[in-house]
Each structure stands twice: as C-alpha cells, then as structure tokens.
Amino acid sequence: MRVLAVDRIAPEGIAYLREHGVEVDEPARPSRETLHARLPAYEGLITRSGTAVTAELLEHAPRLRIVGRAGVGIDNVDVEACIAAARS
C-alpha cells in the first residue's frame, strides 16, 4: 500500500507504518497542484489540520481507500465527500 503523508507526522508513526510494509511518501508541504498531481498513485492519505480533505481533493484520488487524520477532530475532513467517493 502506498500512503501520502501531506502534513508533518511524528517520525515514530511513519516508522511504524514502514515497519509494517506500508510505503509512505512525505512531500514537504506540497502545493495544491502538486498534491492533485500525486494523489492518483496512492491508496492512503494522512493529514493533520494543514490539509483539507474535500470533494475537490478526492476527485484527484481515484485509488484512495483510507484517509487518516493524525490528531484530534475531523473538522478538515469532509466525511460526506469521503463516503460518496467510496461509493463511486
């Protein structure tokens, strides 16, 4: 599984994922255009509060199956858009 960590995540968390066979890429604060261009290659996305997971973002992620939110709350994740994307 390929995962894109778009916001800074604790190194221990990244190490844990890699130890369990997950390929994690950590671009340094990608621009919106760069993020949209890279997303089609990933099955997972990890964000904190710096990146909003919106319907527009999900349009660029046809293989995305998992959205992980590191931290507290999901105010930056459009849950309804995630559900709709999963159904399509």
PDB file of N, CA and C in Angstrom:
ATOM      1  N   MET A   1       0.848  -1.180   0.000  1.00  0.00           N
ATOM      2  CA  MET A   1       0.000   0.000   0.000  1.00  0.00           C
ATOM      3  C   MET A   1       0.891   1.239   0.000  1.00  0.00           C
ATOM      4  N   ARG A   2       0.498   2.197  -0.791  1.00  0.00           N
ATOM      5  CA  ARG A   2       1.204   3.486  -0.843  1.00  0.00           C
ATOM      6  C   ARG A   2       0.363   4.537  -0.135  1.00  0.00           C
ATOM      7  N   VAL A   3       1.020   5.271   0.763  1.00  0.00           N
ATOM      8  CA  VAL A   3       0.360   6.304   1.550  1.00  0.00           C
ATOM      9  C   VAL A   3       1.108   7.615   1.383  1.00  0.00           C
ATOM     10  N   LEU A   4       0.359   8.679   1.243  1.00  0.00           N
ATOM     11  CA  LEU A   4       0.917  10.019   1.135  1.00  0.00           C
ATOM     12  C   LEU A   4       0.619  10.762   2.431  1.00  0.00           C
ATOM     13  N   ALA A   5       1.669  11.144   3.151  1.00  0.00           N
ATOM     14  CA  ALA A   5       1.524  11.919   4.386  1.00  0.00           C
ATOM     15  C   ALA A   5       1.767  13.381   4.025  1.00  0.00           C
ATOM     16  N   VAL A   6       0.695  14.149   3.922  1.00  0.00           N
ATOM     17  CA  VAL A   6       0.796  15.509   3.400  1.00  0.00           C
ATOM     18  C   VAL A   6       1.098  16.573   4.452  1.00  0.00           C
ATOM     19  N   ASP A   7       0.927  16.214   5.710  1.00  0.00           N
ATOM     20  CA  ASP A   7       1.282  17.129   6.792  1.00  0.00           C
ATOM     21  C   ASP A   7       2.314  16.430   7.666  1.00  0.00           C
ATOM     22  N   ARG A   8       3.028  17.205   8.432  1.00  0.00           N
ATOM     23  CA  ARG A   8       4.085  16.637   9.267  1.00  0.00           C
ATOM     24  C   ARG A   8       3.490  15.672  10.300  1.00  0.00           C
ATOM     25  N   ILE A   9       4.000  14.447  10.286  1.00  0.00           N
ATOM     26  CA  ILE A   9       3.553  13.390  11.179  1.00  0.00           C
ATOM     27  C   ILE A   9       4.744  12.970  12.046  1.00  0.00           C
ATOM     28  N   ALA A  10       4.476  12.548  13.262  1.00  0.00           N
ATOM     29  CA  ALA A  10       5.538  12.100  14.163  1.00  0.00           C
ATOM     30  C   ALA A  10       6.374  11.016  13.486  1.00  0.00           C
ATOM     31  N   PRO A  11       7.690  11.127  13.568  1.00  0.00           N
ATOM     32  CA  PRO A  11       8.564  10.125  12.936  1.00  0.00           C
ATOM     33  C   PRO A  11       8.275   8.699  13.406  1.00  0.00           C
ATOM     34  N   GLU A  12       7.858   8.550  14.646  1.00  0.00           N
ATOM     35  CA  GLU A  12       7.550   7.223  15.164  1.00  0.00           C
ATOM     36  C   GLU A  12       6.353   6.604  14.436  1.00  0.00           C
ATOM     37  N   GLY A  13       5.391   7.425  14.084  1.00  0.00           N
ATOM     38  CA  GLY A  13       4.231   6.946  13.344  1.00  0.00           C
ATOM     39  C   GLY A  13       4.591   6.505  11.939  1.00  0.00           C
ATOM     40  N   ILE A  14       5.419   7.298  11.295  1.00  0.00           N
ATOM     41  CA  ILE A  14       5.888   6.957   9.943  1.00  0.00           C
ATOM     42  C   ILE A  14       6.700   5.677   9.989  1.00  0.00           C
ATOM     43  N   ALA A  15       7.589   5.567  10.980  1.00  0.00           N
ATOM     44  CA  ALA A  15       8.426   4.370  11.130  1.00  0.00           C
ATOM     45  C   ALA A  15       7.563   3.128  11.345  1.00  0.00           C
ATOM     46  N   TYR A  16       6.527   3.259  12.165  1.00  0.00           N
ATOM     47  CA  TYR A  16       5.626   2.135  12.428  1.00  0.00           C
ATOM     48  C   TYR A  16       4.979   1.651  11.131  1.00  0.00           C
ATOM     49  N   LEU A  17       4.472   2.579  10.348  1.00  0.00           N
ATOM     50  CA  LEU A  17       3.846   2.198   9.082  1.00  0.00           C
ATOM     51  C   LEU A  17       4.840   1.492   8.161  1.00  0.00           C
ATOM     52  N   ARG A  18       6.036   2.034   8.050  1.00  0.00           N
ATOM     53  CA  ARG A  18       7.053   1.429   7.178  1.00  0.00           C
ATOM     54  C   ARG A  18       7.455   0.045   7.672  1.00  0.00           C
ATOM     55  N   GLU A  19       7.561  -0.130   8.985  1.00  0.00           N
ATOM     56  CA  GLU A  19       7.903  -1.442   9.555  1.00  0.00           C
ATOM     57  C   GLU A  19       6.841  -2.483   9.234  1.00  0.00           C
ATOM     58  N   HIS A  20       5.637  -2.039   8.965  1.00  0.00           N
ATOM     59  CA  HIS A  20       4.542  -2.941   8.641  1.00  0.00           C
ATOM     60  C   HIS A  20       4.232  -2.987   7.141  1.00  0.00           C
ATOM     61  N   GLY A  21       5.208  -2.629   6.336  1.00  0.00           N
ATOM     62  CA  GLY A  21       5.106  -2.805   4.897  1.00  0.00           C
ATOM     63  C   GLY A  21       4.400  -1.717   4.120  1.00  0.00           C
ATOM     64  N   VAL A  22       4.112  -0.597   4.764  1.00  0.00           N
ATOM     65  CA  VAL A  22       3.440   0.498   4.078  1.00  0.00           C
ATOM     66  C   VAL A  22       4.504   1.419   3.473  1.00  0.00           C
ATOM     67  N   GLU A  23       4.353   1.735   2.208  1.00  0.00           N
ATOM     68  CA  GLU A  23       5.250   2.681   1.545  1.00  0.00           C
ATOM     69  C   GLU A  23       4.699   4.083   1.798  1.00  0.00           C
ATOM     70  N   VAL A  24       5.448   4.883   2.553  1.00  0.00           N
ATOM     71  CA  VAL A  24       4.990   6.219   2.936  1.00  0.00           C
ATOM     72  C   VAL A  24       5.857   7.267   2.264  1.00  0.00           C
ATOM     73  N   ASP A  25       5.225   8.193   1.569  1.00  0.00           N
ATOM     74  CA  ASP A  25       5.917   9.336   0.982  1.00  0.00           C
ATOM     75  C   ASP A  25       5.527  10.570   1.776  1.00  0.00           C
ATOM     76  N   GLU A  26       6.521  11.413   2.014  1.00  0.00           N
ATOM     77  CA  GLU A  26       6.311  12.624   2.806  1.00  0.00           C
ATOM     78  C   GLU A  26       6.790  13.862   2.043  1.00  0.00           C
ATOM     79  N   PRO A  27       6.006  14.352   1.117  1.00  0.00           N
ATOM     80  CA  PRO A  27       6.420  15.568   0.413  1.00  0.00           C
ATOM     81  C   PRO A  27       6.398  16.758   1.372  1.00  0.00           C
ATOM     82  N   ALA A  28       7.354  17.635   1.232  1.00  0.00           N
ATOM     83  CA  ALA A  28       7.426  18.805   2.108  1.00  0.00           C
ATOM     84  C   ALA A  28       6.390  19.838   1.675  1.00  0.00           C
ATOM     85  N   ARG A  29       5.292  19.931   2.421  1.00  0.00           N
ATOM     86  CA  ARG A  29       4.224  20.902   2.159  1.00  0.00           C
ATOM     87  C   ARG A  29       3.930  21.068   0.668  1.00  0.00           C
ATOM     88  N   PRO A  30       3.341  20.071   0.053  1.00  0.00           N
ATOM     89  CA  PRO A  30       3.092  20.162  -1.393  1.00  0.00           C
ATOM     90  C   PRO A  30       2.064  21.246  -1.712  1.00  0.00           C
ATOM     91  N   SER A  31       2.275  21.886  -2.839  1.00  0.00           N
ATOM     92  CA  SER A  31       1.276  22.849  -3.302  1.00  0.00           C
ATOM     93  C   SER A  31       0.019  22.081  -3.686  1.00  0.00           C
ATOM     94  N   ARG A  32      -1.067  22.770  -3.835  1.00  0.00           N
ATOM     95  CA  ARG A  32      -2.325  22.137  -4.231  1.00  0.00           C
ATOM     96  C   ARG A  32      -2.175  21.415  -5.568  1.00  0.00           C
ATOM     97  N   GLU A  33      -1.502  22.045  -6.502  1.00  0.00           N
ATOM     98  CA  GLU A  33      -1.308  21.446  -7.822  1.00  0.00           C
ATOM     99  C   GLU A  33      -0.464  20.180  -7.726  1.00  0.00           C
ATOM    100  N   THR A  34       0.597  20.228  -6.927  1.00  0.00           N
ATOM    101  CA  THR A  34       1.460  19.061  -6.749  1.00  0.00           C
ATOM    102  C   THR A  34       0.695  17.936  -6.074  1.00  0.00           C
ATOM    103  N   LEU A  35      -0.069  18.280  -5.058  1.00  0.00           N
ATOM    104  CA  LEU A  35      -0.872  17.280  -4.359  1.00  0.00           C
ATOM    105  C   LEU A  35      -1.864  16.623  -5.313  1.00  0.00           C
ATOM    106  N   HIS A  36      -2.562  17.404  -6.100  1.00  0.00           N
ATOM    107  CA  HIS A  36      -3.522  16.861  -7.065  1.00  0.00           C
ATOM    108  C   HIS A  36      -2.830  15.953  -8.083  1.00  0.00           C
ATOM    109  N   ALA A  37      -1.636  16.327  -8.496  1.00  0.00           N
ATOM    110  CA  ALA A  37      -0.905  15.534  -9.481  1.00  0.00           C
ATOM    111  C   ALA A  37      -0.405  14.213  -8.899  1.00  0.00           C
ATOM    112  N   ARG A  38      -0.067  14.199  -7.619  1.00  0.00           N
ATOM    113  CA  ARG A  38       0.496  12.993  -6.998  1.00  0.00           C
ATOM    114  C   ARG A  38      -0.555  12.026  -6.475  1.00  0.00           C
ATOM    115  N   LEU A  39      -1.709  12.525  -6.080  1.00  0.00           N
ATOM    116  CA  LEU A  39      -2.727  11.696  -5.424  1.00  0.00           C
ATOM    117  C   LEU A  39      -3.166  10.449  -6.192  1.00  0.00           C
ATOM    118  N   PRO A  40      -3.250  10.461  -7.514  1.00  0.00           N
ATOM    119  CA  PRO A  40      -3.732   9.264  -8.206  1.00  0.00           C
ATOM    120  C   PRO A  40      -2.913   7.993  -7.938  1.00  0.00           C
ATOM    121  N   ALA A  41      -1.708   8.129  -7.461  1.00  0.00           N
ATOM    122  CA  ALA A  41      -0.838   6.968  -7.239  1.00  0.00           C
ATOM    123  C   ALA A  41      -0.976   6.346  -5.851  1.00  0.00           C
ATOM    124  N   TYR A  42      -1.844   6.893  -5.002  1.00  0.00           N
ATOM    125  CA  TYR A  42      -1.889   6.462  -3.603  1.00  0.00           C
ATOM    126  C   TYR A  42      -3.235   5.862  -3.206  1.00  0.00           C
ATOM    127  N   GLU A  43      -3.142   4.892  -2.280  1.00  0.00           N
ATOM    128  CA  GLU A  43      -4.335   4.272  -1.701  1.00  0.00           C
ATOM    129  C   GLU A  43      -4.683   4.889  -0.350  1.00  0.00           C
ATOM    130  N   GLY A  44      -3.713   5.560   0.271  1.00  0.00           N
ATOM    131  CA  GLY A  44      -3.941   6.144   1.584  1.00  0.00           C
ATOM    132  C   GLY A  44      -3.445   7.577   1.657  1.00  0.00           C
ATOM    133  N   LEU A  45      -4.089   8.355   2.513  1.00  0.00           N
ATOM    134  CA  LEU A  45      -3.728   9.754   2.712  1.00  0.00           C
ATOM    135  C   LEU A  45      -3.738  10.025   4.213  1.00  0.00           C
ATOM    136  N   ILE A  46      -2.662  10.607   4.716  1.00  0.00           N
ATOM    137  CA  ILE A  46      -2.595  11.011   6.113  1.00  0.00           C
ATOM    138  C   ILE A  46      -2.474  12.523   6.149  1.00  0.00           C
ATOM    139  N   THR A  47      -3.316  13.137   6.957  1.00  0.00           N
ATOM    140  CA  THR A  47      -3.301  14.584   7.104  1.00  0.00           C
ATOM    141  C   THR A  47      -3.370  14.938   8.579  1.00  0.00           C
ATOM    142  N   ARG A  48      -3.067  16.149   8.882  1.00  0.00           N
ATOM    143  CA  ARG A  48      -3.314  16.713  10.211  1.00  0.00           C
ATOM    144  C   ARG A  48      -4.318  17.825   9.964  1.00  0.00           C
ATOM    145  N   SER A  49      -4.055  19.004  10.460  1.00  0.00           N
ATOM    146  CA  SER A  49      -5.009  20.095  10.246  1.00  0.00           C
ATOM    147  C   SER A  49      -4.609  21.001   9.092  1.00  0.00           C
ATOM    148  N   GLY A  50      -3.456  20.776   8.488  1.00  0.00           N
ATOM    149  CA  GLY A  50      -2.958  21.656   7.437  1.00  0.00           C
ATOM    150  C   GLY A  50      -3.544  21.425   6.062  1.00  0.00           C
ATOM    151  N   THR A  51      -4.143  20.278   5.848  1.00  0.00           N
ATOM    152  CA  THR A  51      -4.690  19.949   4.531  1.00  0.00           C
ATOM    153  C   THR A  51      -6.148  19.549   4.685  1.00  0.00           C
ATOM    154  N   ALA A  52      -7.010  20.202   3.935  1.00  0.00           N
ATOM    155  CA  ALA A  52      -8.430  19.875   3.962  1.00  0.00           C
ATOM    156  C   ALA A  52      -8.711  18.758   2.970  1.00  0.00           C
ATOM    157  N   VAL A  53      -9.436  17.755   3.421  1.00  0.00           N
ATOM    158  CA  VAL A  53      -9.861  16.660   2.550  1.00  0.00           C
ATOM    159  C   VAL A  53     -11.275  16.998   2.093  1.00  0.00           C
ATOM    160  N   THR A  54     -11.353  17.497   0.867  1.00  0.00           N
ATOM    161  CA  THR A  54     -12.603  17.985   0.299  1.00  0.00           C
ATOM    162  C   THR A  54     -13.024  17.125  -0.891  1.00  0.00           C
ATOM    163  N   ALA A  55     -14.227  17.360  -1.370  1.00  0.00           N
ATOM    164  CA  ALA A  55     -14.692  16.658  -2.570  1.00  0.00           C
ATOM    165  C   ALA A  55     -13.764  16.946  -3.742  1.00  0.00           C
ATOM    166  N   GLU A  56     -13.303  18.175  -3.858  1.00  0.00           N
ATOM    167  CA  GLU A  56     -12.381  18.534  -4.952  1.00  0.00           C
ATOM    168  C   GLU A  56     -11.090  17.739  -4.851  1.00  0.00           C
ATOM    169  N   LEU A  57     -10.537  17.619  -3.664  1.00  0.00           N
ATOM    170  CA  LEU A  57      -9.306  16.861  -3.477  1.00  0.00           C
ATOM    171  C   LEU A  57      -9.538  15.392  -3.839  1.00  0.00           C
ATOM    172  N   LEU A  58     -10.648  14.842  -3.396  1.00  0.00           N
ATOM    173  CA  LEU A  58     -10.943  13.435  -3.644  1.00  0.00           C
ATOM    174  C   LEU A  58     -11.128  13.124  -5.122  1.00  0.00           C
ATOM    175  N   GLU A  59     -11.531  14.111  -5.917  1.00  0.00           N
ATOM    176  CA  GLU A  59     -11.653  13.907  -7.369  1.00  0.00           C
ATOM    177  C   GLU A  59     -10.321  13.525  -8.000  1.00  0.00           C
ATOM    178  N   HIS A  60      -9.217  13.883  -7.357  1.00  0.00           N
ATOM    179  CA  HIS A  60      -7.877  13.609  -7.869  1.00  0.00           C
ATOM    180  C   HIS A  60      -7.284  12.330  -7.275  1.00  0.00           C
ATOM    181  N   ALA A  61      -8.085  11.578  -6.527  1.00  0.00           N
ATOM    182  CA  ALA A  61      -7.575  10.410  -5.818  1.00  0.00           C
ATOM    183  C   ALA A  61      -8.429   9.171  -6.106  1.00  0.00           C
ATOM    184  N   PRO A  62      -8.418   8.678  -7.335  1.00  0.00           N
ATOM    185  CA  PRO A  62      -9.302   7.564  -7.693  1.00  0.00           C
ATOM    186  C   PRO A  62      -8.981   6.255  -6.976  1.00  0.00           C
ATOM    187  N   ARG A  63      -7.763   6.077  -6.510  1.00  0.00           N
ATOM    188  CA  ARG A  63      -7.371   4.834  -5.834  1.00  0.00           C
ATOM    189  C   ARG A  63      -7.461   4.943  -4.317  1.00  0.00           C
ATOM    190  N   LEU A  64      -7.767   6.105  -3.807  1.00  0.00           N
ATOM    191  CA  LEU A  64      -7.762   6.348  -2.368  1.00  0.00           C
ATOM    192  C   LEU A  64      -8.806   5.486  -1.666  1.00  0.00           C
ATOM    193  N   ARG A  65      -8.357   4.786  -0.622  1.00  0.00           N
ATOM    194  CA  ARG A  65      -9.241   3.925   0.153  1.00  0.00           C
ATOM    195  C   ARG A  65      -9.243   4.278   1.633  1.00  0.00           C
ATOM    196  N   ILE A  66      -8.196   4.973   2.090  1.00  0.00           N
ATOM    197  CA  ILE A  66      -8.066   5.294   3.512  1.00  0.00           C
ATOM    198  C   ILE A  66      -7.653   6.753   3.666  1.00  0.00           C
ATOM    199  N   VAL A  67      -8.351   7.458   4.541  1.00  0.00           N
ATOM    200  CA  VAL A  67      -7.959   8.808   4.944  1.00  0.00           C
ATOM    201  C   VAL A  67      -7.700   8.749   6.437  1.00  0.00           C
ATOM    202  N   GLY A  68      -6.471   9.030   6.826  1.00  0.00           N
ATOM    203  CA  GLY A  68      -6.121   9.044   8.240  1.00  0.00           C
ATOM    204  C   GLY A  68      -5.917  10.472   8.702  1.00  0.00           C
ATOM    205  N   ARG A  69      -6.486  10.785   9.834  1.00  0.00           N
ATOM    206  CA  ARG A  69      -6.352  12.134  10.407  1.00  0.00           C
ATOM    207  C   ARG A  69      -5.533  12.004  11.681  1.00  0.00           C
ATOM    208  N   ALA A  70      -4.291  12.454  11.646  1.00  0.00           N
ATOM    209  CA  ALA A  70      -3.433  12.452  12.830  1.00  0.00           C
ATOM    210  C   ALA A  70      -3.821  13.653  13.686  1.00  0.00           C
ATOM    211  N   GLY A  71      -4.130  13.408  14.934  1.00  0.00           N
ATOM    212  CA  GLY A  71      -4.539  14.495  15.812  1.00  0.00           C
ATOM    213  C   GLY A  71      -5.973  14.315  16.255  1.00  0.00           C
ATOM    214  N   VAL A  72      -6.552  15.404  16.702  1.00  0.00           N
ATOM    215  CA  VAL A  72      -7.895  15.364  17.281  1.00  0.00           C
ATOM    216  C   VAL A  72      -8.889  16.036  16.335  1.00  0.00           C
ATOM    217  N   GLY A  73     -10.042  15.403  16.170  1.00  0.00           N
ATOM    218  CA  GLY A  73     -11.099  16.001  15.368  1.00  0.00           C
ATOM    219  C   GLY A  73     -10.970  15.701  13.895  1.00  0.00           C
ATOM    220  N   ILE A  74     -12.069  15.969  13.192  1.00  0.00           N
ATOM    221  CA  ILE A  74     -12.093  15.757  11.741  1.00  0.00           C
ATOM    222  C   ILE A  74     -12.699  16.964  11.036  1.00  0.00           C
ATOM    223  N   ASP A  75     -12.506  18.133  11.630  1.00  0.00           N
ATOM    224  CA  ASP A  75     -13.103  19.337  11.053  1.00  0.00           C
ATOM    225  C   ASP A  75     -12.547  19.675   9.674  1.00  0.00           C
ATOM    226  N   ASN A  76     -11.398  19.139   9.309  1.00  0.00           N
ATOM    227  CA  ASN A  76     -10.834  19.406   7.985  1.00  0.00           C
ATOM    228  C   ASN A  76     -11.068  18.251   7.008  1.00  0.00           C
ATOM    229  N   VAL A  77     -11.897  17.291   7.405  1.00  0.00           N
ATOM    230  CA  VAL A  77     -12.212  16.152   6.542  1.00  0.00           C
ATOM    231  C   VAL A  77     -13.707  16.180   6.235  1.00  0.00           C
ATOM    232  N   ASP A  78     -14.028  16.281   4.964  1.00  0.00           N
ATOM    233  CA  ASP A  78     -15.426  16.247   4.532  1.00  0.00           C
ATOM    234  C   ASP A  78     -15.857  14.785   4.496  1.00  0.00           C
ATOM    235  N   VAL A  79     -16.424  14.327   5.588  1.00  0.00           N
ATOM    236  CA  VAL A  79     -16.793  12.924   5.739  1.00  0.00           C
ATOM    237  C   VAL A  79     -17.812  12.512   4.679  1.00  0.00           C
ATOM    238  N   GLU A  80     -18.784  13.357   4.402  1.00  0.00           N
ATOM    239  CA  GLU A  80     -19.790  13.031   3.389  1.00  0.00           C
ATOM    240  C   GLU A  80     -19.147  12.848   2.012  1.00  0.00           C
ATOM    241  N   ALA A  81     -18.168  13.686   1.691  1.00  0.00           N
ATOM    242  CA  ALA A  81     -17.473  13.553   0.405  1.00  0.00           C
ATOM    243  C   ALA A  81     -16.676  12.252   0.373  1.00  0.00           C
ATOM    244  N   CYS A  82     -16.084  11.867   1.493  1.00  0.00           N
ATOM    245  CA  CYS A  82     -15.346  10.603   1.568  1.00  0.00           C
ATOM    246  C   CYS A  82     -16.282   9.424   1.353  1.00  0.00           C
ATOM    247  N   ILE A  83     -17.463   9.469   1.957  1.00  0.00           N
ATOM    248  CA  ILE A  83     -18.441   8.398   1.798  1.00  0.00           C
ATOM    249  C   ILE A  83     -18.889   8.313   0.337  1.00  0.00           C
ATOM    250  N   ALA A  84     -19.166   9.461  -0.249  1.00  0.00           N
ATOM    251  CA  ALA A  84     -19.595   9.473  -1.656  1.00  0.00           C
ATOM    252  C   ALA A  84     -18.501   8.943  -2.570  1.00  0.00           C
ATOM    253  N   ALA A  85     -17.265   9.312  -2.313  1.00  0.00           N
ATOM    254  CA  ALA A  85     -16.143   8.832  -3.137  1.00  0.00           C
ATOM    255  C   ALA A  85     -15.974   7.324  -2.997  1.00  0.00           C
ATOM    256  N   ALA A  86     -16.180   6.817  -1.800  1.00  0.00           N
ATOM    257  CA  ALA A  86     -16.045   5.377  -1.565  1.00  0.00           C
ATOM    258  C   ALA A  86     -17.120   4.592  -2.309  1.00  0.00           C
ATOM    259  N   ARG A  87     -18.274   5.188  -2.477  1.00  0.00           N
ATOM    260  CA  ARG A  87     -19.375   4.509  -3.160  1.00  0.00           C
ATOM    261  C   ARG A  87     -19.251   4.535  -4.675  1.00  0.00           C
ATOM    262  N   SER A  88     -18.429   5.423  -5.179  1.00  0.00           N
ATOM    263  CA  SER A  88     -18.320   5.535  -6.651  1.00  0.00           C
ATOM    264  C   SER A  88     -17.251   4.633  -7.214  1.00  0.00           C
TER     265      SER A  88
END
